[in-house]
Each structure stands twice: as C-alpha cells, then as structure tokens.
C-alpha cells in the first residue's frame, strides 16, 4: 500500500498543493507537479499519450481516501517532505512493517462501508491500483 502514497515519477508523497494526485484517462495516477512539468502528457506506466488538457484532469479521490483511512492525512508540501525523509533516519523501512500495513488495510475495509462481508484488497500493479473483493469464509 505504500507505493500508492507516492507519485510513480518523482516518488514524492501526494499532498493538497503541488503533488495533488491526478488520474490520467488510462487510469494511472501522477502528481500535479509531474503532469505540469511535461509538454505532452504521457503515462510512464502504459506509455499512452493523452491529449486531455491539464486542467481537465481529475483529482484521484480514491488515493486521497486511502491515505486518510490508512492514518496518513492528506499532507501539505512541508509535511510530505518530512514524511519522505522520515525513513532515511530510521532502522526499519516501510517494507519491514508489513504487519502494520496489513492491519491498516484491514481497518480500511472495515471503515470503508463498501461491504462487511467481503475482504477488499488493493493490489498495486505497475503504479496503478486494482481493488479485488473476496467473500469472507
């Protein structure tokens, strides 16, 4: 789940200003800063060129809600920079805390209101998020 918190181009955490998550027509998400830094909007994952105007790209509210539900507030630029540098000074990386991430994902399922009888699992494939639902046995 950690990889959906950051732009797949600049690896900065999403926030309300410069790194707002914008969803491309192909379904992948980039931050506003990366979209604004290129002449032609081309998805770095599927390589599709998009002719849509930058101001017509929508904010990816799914990413925002996942960040909020996982305990990460939708951050300002200053908080995002602090968050990015936080793991550089620690002995443990986010990958080593996978058990905590699993607990956060489980609480996300319980608080999302989507279904109390299904387990919702977010799978990140190549920078995109796919949600899978499986019945609880």
C-alpha atoms as a PDB file:
ATOM      1  CA  UNK A   1       0.000   0.000   0.000  1.00  0.00           C
ATOM      2  CA  UNK A   2       2.971   2.285   0.465  1.00  0.00           C
ATOM      3  CA  UNK A   3       3.535   2.702  -3.270  1.00  0.00           C
ATOM      4  CA  UNK A   4       0.137   4.360  -3.838  1.00  0.00           C
ATOM      5  CA  UNK A   5       1.031   7.116  -1.376  1.00  0.00           C
ATOM      6  CA  UNK A   6       3.685   8.497  -3.732  1.00  0.00           C
ATOM      7  CA  UNK A   7       3.900   9.630  -7.329  1.00  0.00           C
ATOM      8  CA  UNK A   8       5.460   6.906  -9.505  1.00  0.00           C
ATOM      9  CA  UNK A   9       7.572   9.517 -11.340  1.00  0.00           C
ATOM     10  CA  UNK A  10       9.042  11.785  -8.635  1.00  0.00           C
ATOM     11  CA  UNK A  11       8.374   9.485  -5.624  1.00  0.00           C
ATOM     12  CA  UNK A  12       7.075  12.432  -3.575  1.00  0.00           C
ATOM     13  CA  UNK A  13       4.131  11.833  -1.260  1.00  0.00           C
ATOM     14  CA  UNK A  14       0.817  13.177  -2.528  1.00  0.00           C
ATOM     15  CA  UNK A  15      -0.489  16.375  -0.933  1.00  0.00           C
ATOM     16  CA  UNK A  16      -3.009  19.169  -1.477  1.00  0.00           C
ATOM     17  CA  UNK A  17      -0.851  21.529  -3.498  1.00  0.00           C
ATOM     18  CA  UNK A  18       1.983  20.694  -5.876  1.00  0.00           C
ATOM     19  CA  UNK A  19       1.756  16.926  -5.513  1.00  0.00           C
ATOM     20  CA  UNK A  20      -2.031  16.517  -5.764  1.00  0.00           C
ATOM     21  CA  UNK A  21      -2.855  13.050  -7.217  1.00  0.00           C
ATOM     22  CA  UNK A  22      -4.347  13.429 -10.711  1.00  0.00           C
ATOM     23  CA  UNK A  23      -5.841  10.475 -12.552  1.00  0.00           C
ATOM     24  CA  UNK A  24      -4.994  10.109 -16.231  1.00  0.00           C
ATOM     25  CA  UNK A  25      -7.582   8.842 -18.754  1.00  0.00           C
ATOM     26  CA  UNK A  26      -5.735   5.485 -18.786  1.00  0.00           C
ATOM     27  CA  UNK A  27      -6.434   5.119 -15.037  1.00  0.00           C
ATOM     28  CA  UNK A  28      -2.925   5.655 -13.693  1.00  0.00           C
ATOM     29  CA  UNK A  29      -2.158   8.463 -11.238  1.00  0.00           C
ATOM     30  CA  UNK A  30       0.590  11.091 -11.306  1.00  0.00           C
ATOM     31  CA  UNK A  31       1.142  14.145  -9.151  1.00  0.00           C
ATOM     32  CA  UNK A  32       0.228  17.613 -10.398  1.00  0.00           C
ATOM     33  CA  UNK A  33       3.885  18.725 -10.400  1.00  0.00           C
ATOM     34  CA  UNK A  34       4.910  15.920 -12.764  1.00  0.00           C
ATOM     35  CA  UNK A  35       1.934  16.492 -15.078  1.00  0.00           C
ATOM     36  CA  UNK A  36       2.764  20.208 -15.240  1.00  0.00           C
ATOM     37  CA  UNK A  37       6.456  19.579 -15.917  1.00  0.00           C
ATOM     38  CA  UNK A  38       5.988  17.909 -19.309  1.00  0.00           C
ATOM     39  CA  UNK A  39       4.927  19.253 -22.699  1.00  0.00           C
ATOM     40  CA  UNK A  40       2.970  16.112 -23.642  1.00  0.00           C
ATOM     41  CA  UNK A  41       1.108  14.104 -21.014  1.00  0.00           C
ATOM     42  CA  UNK A  42       2.366  10.552 -21.454  1.00  0.00           C
ATOM     43  CA  UNK A  43       1.697   7.841 -18.913  1.00  0.00           C
ATOM     44  CA  UNK A  44       5.016   6.432 -17.652  1.00  0.00           C
ATOM     45  CA  UNK A  45       3.360   3.080 -16.968  1.00  0.00           C
ATOM     46  CA  UNK A  46       1.327   2.245 -20.097  1.00  0.00           C
ATOM     47  CA  UNK A  47       3.152   4.786 -22.345  1.00  0.00           C
ATOM     48  CA  UNK A  48      -0.100   6.167 -23.762  1.00  0.00           C
ATOM     49  CA  UNK A  49      -0.068   9.811 -24.904  1.00  0.00           C
ATOM     50  CA  UNK A  50      -3.056  11.793 -23.626  1.00  0.00           C
ATOM     51  CA  UNK A  51      -4.491  14.794 -25.460  1.00  0.00           C
ATOM     52  CA  UNK A  52      -6.542  15.986 -22.479  1.00  0.00           C
ATOM     53  CA  UNK A  53      -5.851  19.470 -21.097  1.00  0.00           C
ATOM     54  CA  UNK A  54      -4.099  19.523 -17.723  1.00  0.00           C
ATOM     55  CA  UNK A  55      -6.928  21.465 -16.081  1.00  0.00           C
ATOM     56  CA  UNK A  56      -9.389  18.746 -17.178  1.00  0.00           C
ATOM     57  CA  UNK A  57      -7.585  16.009 -15.216  1.00  0.00           C
ATOM     58  CA  UNK A  58      -9.500  14.961 -12.115  1.00  0.00           C
ATOM     59  CA  UNK A  59      -8.131  14.601  -8.623  1.00  0.00           C
ATOM     60  CA  UNK A  60      -7.841  10.928  -7.677  1.00  0.00           C
ATOM     61  CA  UNK A  61     -10.115  10.883  -4.639  1.00  0.00           C
ATOM     62  CA  UNK A  62      -9.617   7.125  -4.179  1.00  0.00           C
ATOM     63  CA  UNK A  63      -5.939   7.763  -3.404  1.00  0.00           C
ATOM     64  CA  UNK A  64      -6.892  10.598  -1.049  1.00  0.00           C
ATOM     65  CA  UNK A  65      -9.370   8.402   0.836  1.00  0.00           C
ATOM     66  CA  UNK A  66      -6.862   5.548   1.064  1.00  0.00           C
ATOM     67  CA  UNK A  67      -4.310   7.961   2.529  1.00  0.00           C
ATOM     68  CA  UNK A  68      -6.805   9.245   5.076  1.00  0.00           C
ATOM     69  CA  UNK A  69      -8.042   5.770   6.002  1.00  0.00           C
ATOM     70  CA  UNK A  70      -4.511   4.438   6.432  1.00  0.00           C
ATOM     71  CA  UNK A  71      -3.771   7.073   9.039  1.00  0.00           C
ATOM     72  CA  UNK A  72      -1.859   9.425   6.740  1.00  0.00           C
ATOM     73  CA  UNK A  73      -3.550  12.758   6.478  1.00  0.00           C
ATOM     74  CA  UNK A  74      -3.653  14.337   3.077  1.00  0.00           C
ATOM     75  CA  UNK A  75      -0.443  16.351   3.527  1.00  0.00           C
ATOM     76  CA  UNK A  76       0.867  19.804   2.770  1.00  0.00           C
ATOM     77  CA  UNK A  77       4.154  20.078   0.829  1.00  0.00           C
ATOM     78  CA  UNK A  78       6.159  20.592   4.038  1.00  0.00           C
ATOM     79  CA  UNK A  79       4.629  17.526   5.706  1.00  0.00           C
ATOM     80  CA  UNK A  80       5.230  15.473   2.565  1.00  0.00           C
ATOM     81  CA  UNK A  81       8.941  16.335   2.542  1.00  0.00           C
ATOM     82  CA  UNK A  82       9.213  15.454   6.228  1.00  0.00           C
ATOM     83  CA  UNK A  83       7.424  12.158   5.608  1.00  0.00           C
ATOM     84  CA  UNK A  84       9.750  11.283   2.711  1.00  0.00           C
ATOM     85  CA  UNK A  85      12.857  11.886   4.808  1.00  0.00           C
ATOM     86  CA  UNK A  86      11.481  10.135   7.904  1.00  0.00           C
ATOM     87  CA  UNK A  87      12.564   6.646   6.799  1.00  0.00           C
ATOM     88  CA  UNK A  88      16.090   7.757   5.936  1.00  0.00           C
ATOM     89  CA  UNK A  89      16.810   8.227   9.651  1.00  0.00           C
ATOM     90  CA  UNK A  90      15.140   5.029  10.866  1.00  0.00           C
ATOM     91  CA  UNK A  91      16.478   1.499  11.022  1.00  0.00           C
ATOM     92  CA  UNK A  92      13.210  -0.003   9.799  1.00  0.00           C
ATOM     93  CA  UNK A  93      11.732   0.618   6.383  1.00  0.00           C
ATOM     94  CA  UNK A  94       8.021   0.560   5.486  1.00  0.00           C
ATOM     95  CA  UNK A  95       8.508  -2.902   3.997  1.00  0.00           C
ATOM     96  CA  UNK A  96       9.646  -4.244   7.369  1.00  0.00           C
ATOM     97  CA  UNK A  97       6.394  -3.028   8.886  1.00  0.00           C
ATOM     98  CA  UNK A  98       4.181  -5.127   6.598  1.00  0.00           C
ATOM     99  CA  UNK A  99       2.188  -6.465   9.543  1.00  0.00           C
ATOM    100  CA  UNK A 100       1.199  -2.907  10.476  1.00  0.00           C
ATOM    101  CA  UNK A 101       0.268  -2.228   6.849  1.00  0.00           C
ATOM    102  CA  UNK A 102      -1.929  -5.343   6.808  1.00  0.00           C
ATOM    103  CA  UNK A 103      -3.701  -4.105   9.934  1.00  0.00           C
ATOM    104  CA  UNK A 104      -4.244  -0.705   8.320  1.00  0.00           C
ATOM    105  CA  UNK A 105      -5.645  -2.360   5.189  1.00  0.00           C
ATOM    106  CA  UNK A 106      -7.990  -4.446   7.338  1.00  0.00           C
ATOM    107  CA  UNK A 107      -9.224  -1.346   9.157  1.00  0.00           C
ATOM    108  CA  UNK A 108      -9.687   0.344   5.789  1.00  0.00           C
ATOM    109  CA  UNK A 109     -12.017  -2.473   4.769  1.00  0.00           C
ATOM    110  CA  UNK A 110     -13.970  -2.186   7.997  1.00  0.00           C
ATOM    111  CA  UNK A 111     -14.363   1.606   7.821  1.00  0.00           C
ATOM    112  CA  UNK A 112     -14.954   1.993   4.101  1.00  0.00           C
ATOM    113  CA  UNK A 113     -18.601   0.959   4.244  1.00  0.00           C
ATOM    114  CA  UNK A 114     -18.172  -0.961   0.987  1.00  0.00           C
ATOM    115  CA  UNK A 115     -19.051  -4.360   2.412  1.00  0.00           C
ATOM    116  CA  UNK A 116     -18.743  -6.005   5.791  1.00  0.00           C
ATOM    117  CA  UNK A 117     -18.931  -9.482   4.245  1.00  0.00           C
ATOM    118  CA  UNK A 118     -16.098  -9.111   1.777  1.00  0.00           C
ATOM    119  CA  UNK A 119     -12.402  -8.503   2.099  1.00  0.00           C
ATOM    120  CA  UNK A 120     -11.246  -5.688  -0.146  1.00  0.00           C
ATOM    121  CA  UNK A 121      -7.609  -5.914  -1.173  1.00  0.00           C
ATOM    122  CA  UNK A 122      -5.787  -3.176  -3.023  1.00  0.00           C
ATOM    123  CA  UNK A 123      -3.106  -4.512  -5.328  1.00  0.00           C
ATOM    124  CA  UNK A 124      -0.621  -2.121  -6.888  1.00  0.00           C
ATOM    125  CA  UNK A 125       0.498  -3.247 -10.316  1.00  0.00           C
ATOM    126  CA  UNK A 126       2.911  -1.004 -12.194  1.00  0.00           C
ATOM    127  CA  UNK A 127       1.850   2.117 -10.304  1.00  0.00           C
ATOM    128  CA  UNK A 128      -1.902   1.535 -10.717  1.00  0.00           C
ATOM    129  CA  UNK A 129      -4.309   0.343  -8.044  1.00  0.00           C
ATOM    130  CA  UNK A 130      -6.612  -2.609  -8.619  1.00  0.00           C
ATOM    131  CA  UNK A 131      -9.237  -3.389  -5.992  1.00  0.00           C
ATOM    132  CA  UNK A 132     -10.157  -7.038  -5.546  1.00  0.00           C
ATOM    133  CA  UNK A 133     -13.119  -8.260  -3.489  1.00  0.00           C
ATOM    134  CA  UNK A 134     -13.201 -11.725  -1.960  1.00  0.00           C
ATOM    135  CA  UNK A 135     -16.018 -13.190   0.159  1.00  0.00           C
ATOM    136  CA  UNK A 136     -15.220 -13.844   3.797  1.00  0.00           C
ATOM    137  CA  UNK A 137     -15.214 -17.576   4.502  1.00  0.00           C
END
